[in-house]
Every structure is written in structure tokens, then in C-alpha cells.
Amino acid sequence: MVGDLFELTFFMWVVAICAFAPLGYFIYMYTMKSGEPFGDTEPHGDSESKVLDLVEMAIHKVQGLLGKK
């Protein structure tokens, strides 16, 4: 009875460690590099993209149509 309880507790710890290991790794990497999770990354929105250009054109077109009404 007591052995079964220890066995269950051990396997629960193993499952919990496996489940939270990615979170621990991310926190470790984030704190290790002074707030930069995976090194020096490019800020969002600074890169040129055809998709962003098309969406921007569509937004301006819709705003133009709504402004004329």
C-alpha cells in the first residue's frame, strides 16, 4: 500500500517535470539574455512584406469607400 503510494507520487513528479520543462527552459533563456528570449531579434513591423503591403492597400481602399458614402 505504501509502496504503491510512493510509486504513484514518483510517476506524478516525472510527468510534471516533463510537462513543465519547456516553460522552465523558456524562462531560463529569457532571463539569461537580459530580456531577449532568443538573442537579438528584429522588432515586429520593421520588415517589408508583400502581405502587409496588400493588407494596407485593402484597408485604405475600404476606408476610401466608406468615406465616400
PDB file of N, CA and C in Angstrom:
ATOM      1  N   MET A   1       0.829  -1.198   0.000  1.00  0.00           N
ATOM      2  CA  MET A   1       0.000   0.000   0.000  1.00  0.00           C
ATOM      3  C   MET A   1       0.871   1.258   0.000  1.00  0.00           C
ATOM      4  N   VAL A   2       1.824   1.312   0.907  1.00  0.00           N
ATOM      5  CA  VAL A   2       2.693   2.484   0.980  1.00  0.00           C
ATOM      6  C   VAL A   2       3.605   2.531  -0.243  1.00  0.00           C
ATOM      7  N   GLY A   3       4.059   1.376  -0.709  1.00  0.00           N
ATOM      8  CA  GLY A   3       4.898   1.318  -1.903  1.00  0.00           C
ATOM      9  C   GLY A   3       4.162   1.818  -3.131  1.00  0.00           C
ATOM     10  N   ASP A   4       2.880   1.476  -3.238  1.00  0.00           N
ATOM     11  CA  ASP A   4       2.070   1.959  -4.364  1.00  0.00           C
ATOM     12  C   ASP A   4       1.940   3.486  -4.324  1.00  0.00           C
ATOM     13  N   LEU A   5       1.803   4.031  -3.127  1.00  0.00           N
ATOM     14  CA  LEU A   5       1.680   5.475  -2.982  1.00  0.00           C
ATOM     15  C   LEU A   5       2.963   6.177  -3.403  1.00  0.00           C
ATOM     16  N   PHE A   6       4.112   5.627  -2.986  1.00  0.00           N
ATOM     17  CA  PHE A   6       5.391   6.214  -3.400  1.00  0.00           C
ATOM     18  C   PHE A   6       5.600   6.088  -4.906  1.00  0.00           C
ATOM     19  N   GLU A   7       5.202   4.965  -5.477  1.00  0.00           N
ATOM     20  CA  GLU A   7       5.331   4.764  -6.918  1.00  0.00           C
ATOM     21  C   GLU A   7       4.464   5.761  -7.678  1.00  0.00           C
ATOM     22  N   LEU A   8       3.237   5.949  -7.246  1.00  0.00           N
ATOM     23  CA  LEU A   8       2.343   6.907  -7.879  1.00  0.00           C
ATOM     24  C   LEU A   8       2.900   8.326  -7.768  1.00  0.00           C
ATOM     25  N   THR A   9       3.407   8.680  -6.593  1.00  0.00           N
ATOM     26  CA  THR A   9       3.991  10.006  -6.388  1.00  0.00           C
ATOM     27  C   THR A   9       5.195  10.212  -7.293  1.00  0.00           C
ATOM     28  N   PHE A  10       6.043   9.205  -7.413  1.00  0.00           N
ATOM     29  CA  PHE A  10       7.219   9.303  -8.275  1.00  0.00           C
ATOM     30  C   PHE A  10       6.816   9.540  -9.730  1.00  0.00           C
ATOM     31  N   PHE A  11       5.858   8.783 -10.238  1.00  0.00           N
ATOM     32  CA  PHE A  11       5.441   8.941 -11.626  1.00  0.00           C
ATOM     33  C   PHE A  11       4.723  10.277 -11.855  1.00  0.00           C
ATOM     34  N   MET A  12       4.024  10.756 -10.847  1.00  0.00           N
ATOM     35  CA  MET A  12       3.401  12.072 -10.974  1.00  0.00           C
ATOM     36  C   MET A  12       4.465  13.161 -11.086  1.00  0.00           C
ATOM     37  N   TRP A  13       5.539  13.044 -10.326  1.00  0.00           N
ATOM     38  CA  TRP A  13       6.644  14.003 -10.432  1.00  0.00           C
ATOM     39  C   TRP A  13       7.306  13.939 -11.809  1.00  0.00           C
ATOM     40  N   VAL A  14       7.486  12.734 -12.326  1.00  0.00           N
ATOM     41  CA  VAL A  14       8.100  12.581 -13.647  1.00  0.00           C
ATOM     42  C   VAL A  14       7.231  13.253 -14.711  1.00  0.00           C
ATOM     43  N   VAL A  15       5.937  13.034 -14.664  1.00  0.00           N
ATOM     44  CA  VAL A  15       5.024  13.643 -15.632  1.00  0.00           C
ATOM     45  C   VAL A  15       5.032  15.161 -15.483  1.00  0.00           C
ATOM     46  N   ALA A  16       5.018  15.664 -14.260  1.00  0.00           N
ATOM     47  CA  ALA A  16       5.013  17.112 -14.029  1.00  0.00           C
ATOM     48  C   ALA A  16       6.306  17.750 -14.543  1.00  0.00           C
ATOM     49  N   ILE A  17       7.433  17.111 -14.328  1.00  0.00           N
ATOM     50  CA  ILE A  17       8.711  17.648 -14.813  1.00  0.00           C
ATOM     51  C   ILE A  17       8.725  17.683 -16.334  1.00  0.00           C
ATOM     52  N   CYS A  18       8.240  16.633 -16.965  1.00  0.00           N
ATOM     53  CA  CYS A  18       8.198  16.607 -18.437  1.00  0.00           C
ATOM     54  C   CYS A  18       7.232  17.661 -18.981  1.00  0.00           C
ATOM     55  N   ALA A  19       6.147  17.909 -18.270  1.00  0.00           N
ATOM     56  CA  ALA A  19       5.147  18.861 -18.748  1.00  0.00           C
ATOM     57  C   ALA A  19       5.637  20.307 -18.628  1.00  0.00           C
ATOM     58  N   PHE A  20       6.376  20.620 -17.571  1.00  0.00           N
ATOM     59  CA  PHE A  20       6.784  21.997 -17.335  1.00  0.00           C
ATOM     60  C   PHE A  20       8.217  22.289 -17.756  1.00  0.00           C
ATOM     61  N   ALA A  21       8.924  21.329 -18.323  1.00  0.00           N
ATOM     62  CA  ALA A  21      10.301  21.558 -18.767  1.00  0.00           C
ATOM     63  C   ALA A  21      10.385  22.633 -19.851  1.00  0.00           C
ATOM     64  N   PRO A  22       9.515  22.647 -20.875  1.00  0.00           N
ATOM     65  CA  PRO A  22       9.613  23.721 -21.885  1.00  0.00           C
ATOM     66  C   PRO A  22       9.418  25.118 -21.292  1.00  0.00           C
ATOM     67  N   LEU A  23       8.513  25.248 -20.342  1.00  0.00           N
ATOM     68  CA  LEU A  23       8.292  26.542 -19.698  1.00  0.00           C
ATOM     69  C   LEU A  23       9.536  26.964 -18.919  1.00  0.00           C
ATOM     70  N   GLY A  24      10.120  26.036 -18.205  1.00  0.00           N
ATOM     71  CA  GLY A  24      11.342  26.333 -17.462  1.00  0.00           C
ATOM     72  C   GLY A  24      12.483  26.718 -18.374  1.00  0.00           C
ATOM     73  N   TYR A  25      12.601  26.036 -19.512  1.00  0.00           N
ATOM     74  CA  TYR A  25      13.653  26.358 -20.471  1.00  0.00           C
ATOM     75  C   TYR A  25      13.451  27.759 -21.034  1.00  0.00           C
ATOM     76  N   PHE A  26      12.209  28.123 -21.365  1.00  0.00           N
ATOM     77  CA  PHE A  26      11.937  29.457 -21.897  1.00  0.00           C
ATOM     78  C   PHE A  26      12.268  30.525 -20.860  1.00  0.00           C
ATOM     79  N   ILE A  27      11.870  30.320 -19.624  1.00  0.00           N
ATOM     80  CA  ILE A  27      12.167  31.294 -18.568  1.00  0.00           C
ATOM     81  C   ILE A  27      13.673  31.417 -18.380  1.00  0.00           C
ATOM     82  N   TYR A  28      14.379  30.297 -18.414  1.00  0.00           N
ATOM     83  CA  TYR A  28      15.837  30.313 -18.273  1.00  0.00           C
ATOM     84  C   TYR A  28      16.485  31.109 -19.401  1.00  0.00           C
ATOM     85  N   MET A  29      16.062  30.859 -20.649  1.00  0.00           N
ATOM     86  CA  MET A  29      16.639  31.565 -21.788  1.00  0.00           C
ATOM     87  C   MET A  29      16.279  33.050 -21.753  1.00  0.00           C
ATOM     88  N   TYR A  30      15.084  33.379 -21.317  1.00  0.00           N
ATOM     89  CA  TYR A  30      14.642  34.767 -21.269  1.00  0.00           C
ATOM     90  C   TYR A  30      15.451  35.561 -20.249  1.00  0.00           C
ATOM     91  N   THR A  31      15.676  34.986 -19.084  1.00  0.00           N
ATOM     92  CA  THR A  31      16.416  35.701 -18.046  1.00  0.00           C
ATOM     93  C   THR A  31      17.910  35.690 -18.315  1.00  0.00           C
ATOM     94  N   MET A  32      18.407  34.721 -19.052  1.00  0.00           N
ATOM     95  CA  MET A  32      19.837  34.618 -19.300  1.00  0.00           C
ATOM     96  C   MET A  32      20.328  35.713 -20.233  1.00  0.00           C
ATOM     97  N   LYS A  33      19.519  36.146 -21.189  1.00  0.00           N
ATOM     98  CA  LYS A  33      19.958  37.098 -22.203  1.00  0.00           C
ATOM     99  C   LYS A  33      19.369  38.482 -21.978  1.00  0.00           C
ATOM    100  N   SER A  34      19.168  38.862 -20.756  1.00  0.00           N
ATOM    101  CA  SER A  34      18.741  40.210 -20.386  1.00  0.00           C
ATOM    102  C   SER A  34      17.457  40.656 -21.078  1.00  0.00           C
ATOM    103  N   GLY A  35      16.446  39.853 -21.023  1.00  0.00           N
ATOM    104  CA  GLY A  35      15.155  40.237 -21.557  1.00  0.00           C
ATOM    105  C   GLY A  35      14.964  39.943 -23.017  1.00  0.00           C
ATOM    106  N   GLU A  36      15.937  39.359 -23.682  1.00  0.00           N
ATOM    107  CA  GLU A  36      15.794  38.967 -25.080  1.00  0.00           C
ATOM    108  C   GLU A  36      15.704  37.448 -25.110  1.00  0.00           C
ATOM    109  N   PRO A  37      14.531  36.898 -25.377  1.00  0.00           N
ATOM    110  CA  PRO A  37      14.347  35.460 -25.204  1.00  0.00           C
ATOM    111  C   PRO A  37      15.255  34.596 -26.062  1.00  0.00           C
ATOM    112  N   PHE A  38      15.511  34.952 -27.286  1.00  0.00           N
ATOM    113  CA  PHE A  38      16.317  34.096 -28.148  1.00  0.00           C
ATOM    114  C   PHE A  38      17.348  34.913 -28.908  1.00  0.00           C
ATOM    115  N   GLY A  39      17.991  35.834 -28.225  1.00  0.00           N
ATOM    116  CA  GLY A  39      19.028  36.623 -28.860  1.00  0.00           C
ATOM    117  C   GLY A  39      18.493  37.923 -29.421  1.00  0.00           C
ATOM    118  N   ASP A  40      19.261  38.522 -30.290  1.00  0.00           N
ATOM    119  CA  ASP A  40      18.903  39.798 -30.879  1.00  0.00           C
ATOM    120  C   ASP A  40      17.950  39.550 -32.040  1.00  0.00           C
ATOM    121  N   THR A  41      16.688  39.895 -31.850  1.00  0.00           N
ATOM    122  CA  THR A  41      15.683  39.669 -32.886  1.00  0.00           C
ATOM    123  C   THR A  41      15.243  40.996 -33.468  1.00  0.00           C
ATOM    124  N   GLU A  42      14.703  40.955 -34.658  1.00  0.00           N
ATOM    125  CA  GLU A  42      14.226  42.154 -35.341  1.00  0.00           C
ATOM    126  C   GLU A  42      12.875  42.555 -34.755  1.00  0.00           C
ATOM    127  N   PRO A  43      12.682  43.836 -34.476  1.00  0.00           N
ATOM    128  CA  PRO A  43      11.390  44.268 -33.946  1.00  0.00           C
ATOM    129  C   PRO A  43      10.259  43.994 -34.937  1.00  0.00           C
ATOM    130  N   HIS A  44       9.103  43.724 -34.418  1.00  0.00           N
ATOM    131  CA  HIS A  44       7.959  43.389 -35.260  1.00  0.00           C
ATOM    132  C   HIS A  44       7.508  44.624 -36.037  1.00  0.00           C
ATOM    133  N   GLY A  45       7.272  44.445 -37.315  1.00  0.00           N
ATOM    134  CA  GLY A  45       6.738  45.515 -38.128  1.00  0.00           C
ATOM    135  C   GLY A  45       7.782  46.285 -38.913  1.00  0.00           C
ATOM    136  N   ASP A  46       9.060  46.052 -38.670  1.00  0.00           N
ATOM    137  CA  ASP A  46      10.096  46.790 -39.378  1.00  0.00           C
ATOM    138  C   ASP A  46      10.457  46.165 -40.724  1.00  0.00           C
ATOM    139  N   SER A  47      10.117  44.923 -40.919  1.00  0.00           N
ATOM    140  CA  SER A  47      10.494  44.258 -42.160  1.00  0.00           C
ATOM    141  C   SER A  47       9.413  44.472 -43.221  1.00  0.00           C
ATOM    142  N   GLU A  48       9.846  44.532 -44.482  1.00  0.00           N
ATOM    143  CA  GLU A  48       8.916  44.684 -45.590  1.00  0.00           C
ATOM    144  C   GLU A  48       8.273  43.336 -45.913  1.00  0.00           C
ATOM    145  N   SER A  49       7.005  43.373 -46.265  1.00  0.00           N
ATOM    146  CA  SER A  49       6.296  42.151 -46.576  1.00  0.00           C
ATOM    147  C   SER A  49       5.220  42.446 -47.612  1.00  0.00           C
ATOM    148  N   LYS A  50       5.115  41.589 -48.606  1.00  0.00           N
ATOM    149  CA  LYS A  50       4.070  41.757 -49.629  1.00  0.00           C
ATOM    150  C   LYS A  50       2.682  41.633 -49.016  1.00  0.00           C
ATOM    151  N   VAL A  51       2.542  40.717 -48.054  1.00  0.00           N
ATOM    152  CA  VAL A  51       1.237  40.509 -47.412  1.00  0.00           C
ATOM    153  C   VAL A  51       0.821  41.777 -46.660  1.00  0.00           C
ATOM    154  N   LEU A  52       1.765  42.364 -45.925  1.00  0.00           N
ATOM    155  CA  LEU A  52       1.444  43.584 -45.192  1.00  0.00           C
ATOM    156  C   LEU A  52       1.097  44.723 -46.145  1.00  0.00           C
ATOM    157  N   ASP A  53       1.808  44.803 -47.269  1.00  0.00           N
ATOM    158  CA  ASP A  53       1.505  45.837 -48.254  1.00  0.00           C
ATOM    159  C   ASP A  53       0.110  45.648 -48.839  1.00  0.00           C
ATOM    160  N   LEU A  54      -0.257  44.398 -49.150  1.00  0.00           N
ATOM    161  CA  LEU A  54      -1.584  44.133 -49.709  1.00  0.00           C
ATOM    162  C   LEU A  54      -2.689  44.449 -48.703  1.00  0.00           C
ATOM    163  N   VAL A  55      -2.467  44.087 -47.463  1.00  0.00           N
ATOM    164  CA  VAL A  55      -3.465  44.366 -46.423  1.00  0.00           C
ATOM    165  C   VAL A  55      -3.610  45.871 -46.229  1.00  0.00           C
ATOM    166  N   GLU A  56      -2.491  46.579 -46.241  1.00  0.00           N
ATOM    167  CA  GLU A  56      -2.547  48.025 -46.087  1.00  0.00           C
ATOM    168  C   GLU A  56      -3.308  48.673 -47.239  1.00  0.00           C
ATOM    169  N   MET A  57      -3.072  48.198 -48.465  1.00  0.00           N
ATOM    170  CA  MET A  57      -3.802  48.725 -49.615  1.00  0.00           C
ATOM    171  C   MET A  57      -5.290  48.430 -49.500  1.00  0.00           C
ATOM    172  N   ALA A  58      -5.645  47.225 -49.036  1.00  0.00           N
ATOM    173  CA  ALA A  58      -7.055  46.869 -48.876  1.00  0.00           C
ATOM    174  C   ALA A  58      -7.730  47.733 -47.814  1.00  0.00           C
ATOM    175  N   ILE A  59      -7.022  47.997 -46.736  1.00  0.00           N
ATOM    176  CA  ILE A  59      -7.585  48.834 -45.667  1.00  0.00           C
ATOM    177  C   ILE A  59      -7.834  50.242 -46.187  1.00  0.00           C
ATOM    178  N   HIS A  60      -6.874  50.793 -46.924  1.00  0.00           N
ATOM    179  CA  HIS A  60      -7.053  52.142 -47.469  1.00  0.00           C
ATOM    180  C   HIS A  60      -8.202  52.184 -48.476  1.00  0.00           C
ATOM    181  N   LYS A  61      -8.344  51.115 -49.259  1.00  0.00           N
ATOM    182  CA  LYS A  61      -9.437  51.060 -50.237  1.00  0.00           C
ATOM    183  C   LYS A  61     -10.796  51.040 -49.528  1.00  0.00           C
ATOM    184  N   VAL A  62     -10.913  50.215 -48.489  1.00  0.00           N
ATOM    185  CA  VAL A  62     -12.169  50.134 -47.728  1.00  0.00           C
ATOM    186  C   VAL A  62     -12.446  51.469 -47.024  1.00  0.00           C
ATOM    187  N   GLN A  63     -11.412  52.079 -46.464  1.00  0.00           N
ATOM    188  CA  GLN A  63     -11.619  53.379 -45.824  1.00  0.00           C
ATOM    189  C   GLN A  63     -12.046  54.433 -46.835  1.00  0.00           C
ATOM    190  N   GLY A  64     -11.497  54.369 -48.062  1.00  0.00           N
ATOM    191  CA  GLY A  64     -11.902  55.293 -49.097  1.00  0.00           C
ATOM    192  C   GLY A  64     -13.350  55.096 -49.521  1.00  0.00           C
ATOM    193  N   LEU A  65     -13.769  53.827 -49.617  1.00  0.00           N
ATOM    194  CA  LEU A  65     -15.160  53.556 -49.976  1.00  0.00           C
ATOM    195  C   LEU A  65     -16.127  53.977 -48.889  1.00  0.00           C
ATOM    196  N   LEU A  66     -15.753  53.755 -47.649  1.00  0.00           N
ATOM    197  CA  LEU A  66     -16.614  54.146 -46.530  1.00  0.00           C
ATOM    198  C   LEU A  66     -16.658  55.658 -46.368  1.00  0.00           C
ATOM    199  N   GLY A  67     -15.569  56.324 -46.719  1.00  0.00           N
ATOM    200  CA  GLY A  67     -15.514  57.791 -46.591  1.00  0.00           C
ATOM    201  C   GLY A  67     -16.363  58.472 -47.638  1.00  0.00           C
ATOM    202  N   LYS A  68     -16.573  57.845 -48.802  1.00  0.00           N
ATOM    203  CA  LYS A  68     -17.369  58.456 -49.864  1.00  0.00           C
ATOM    204  C   LYS A  68     -18.862  58.368 -49.599  1.00  0.00           C
ATOM    205  N   LYS A  69     -19.276  57.425 -48.797  1.00  0.00           N
ATOM    206  CA  LYS A  69     -20.719  57.247 -48.537  1.00  0.00           C
ATOM    207  C   LYS A  69     -21.257  58.279 -47.600  1.00  0.00           C
TER     208      LYS A  69
END
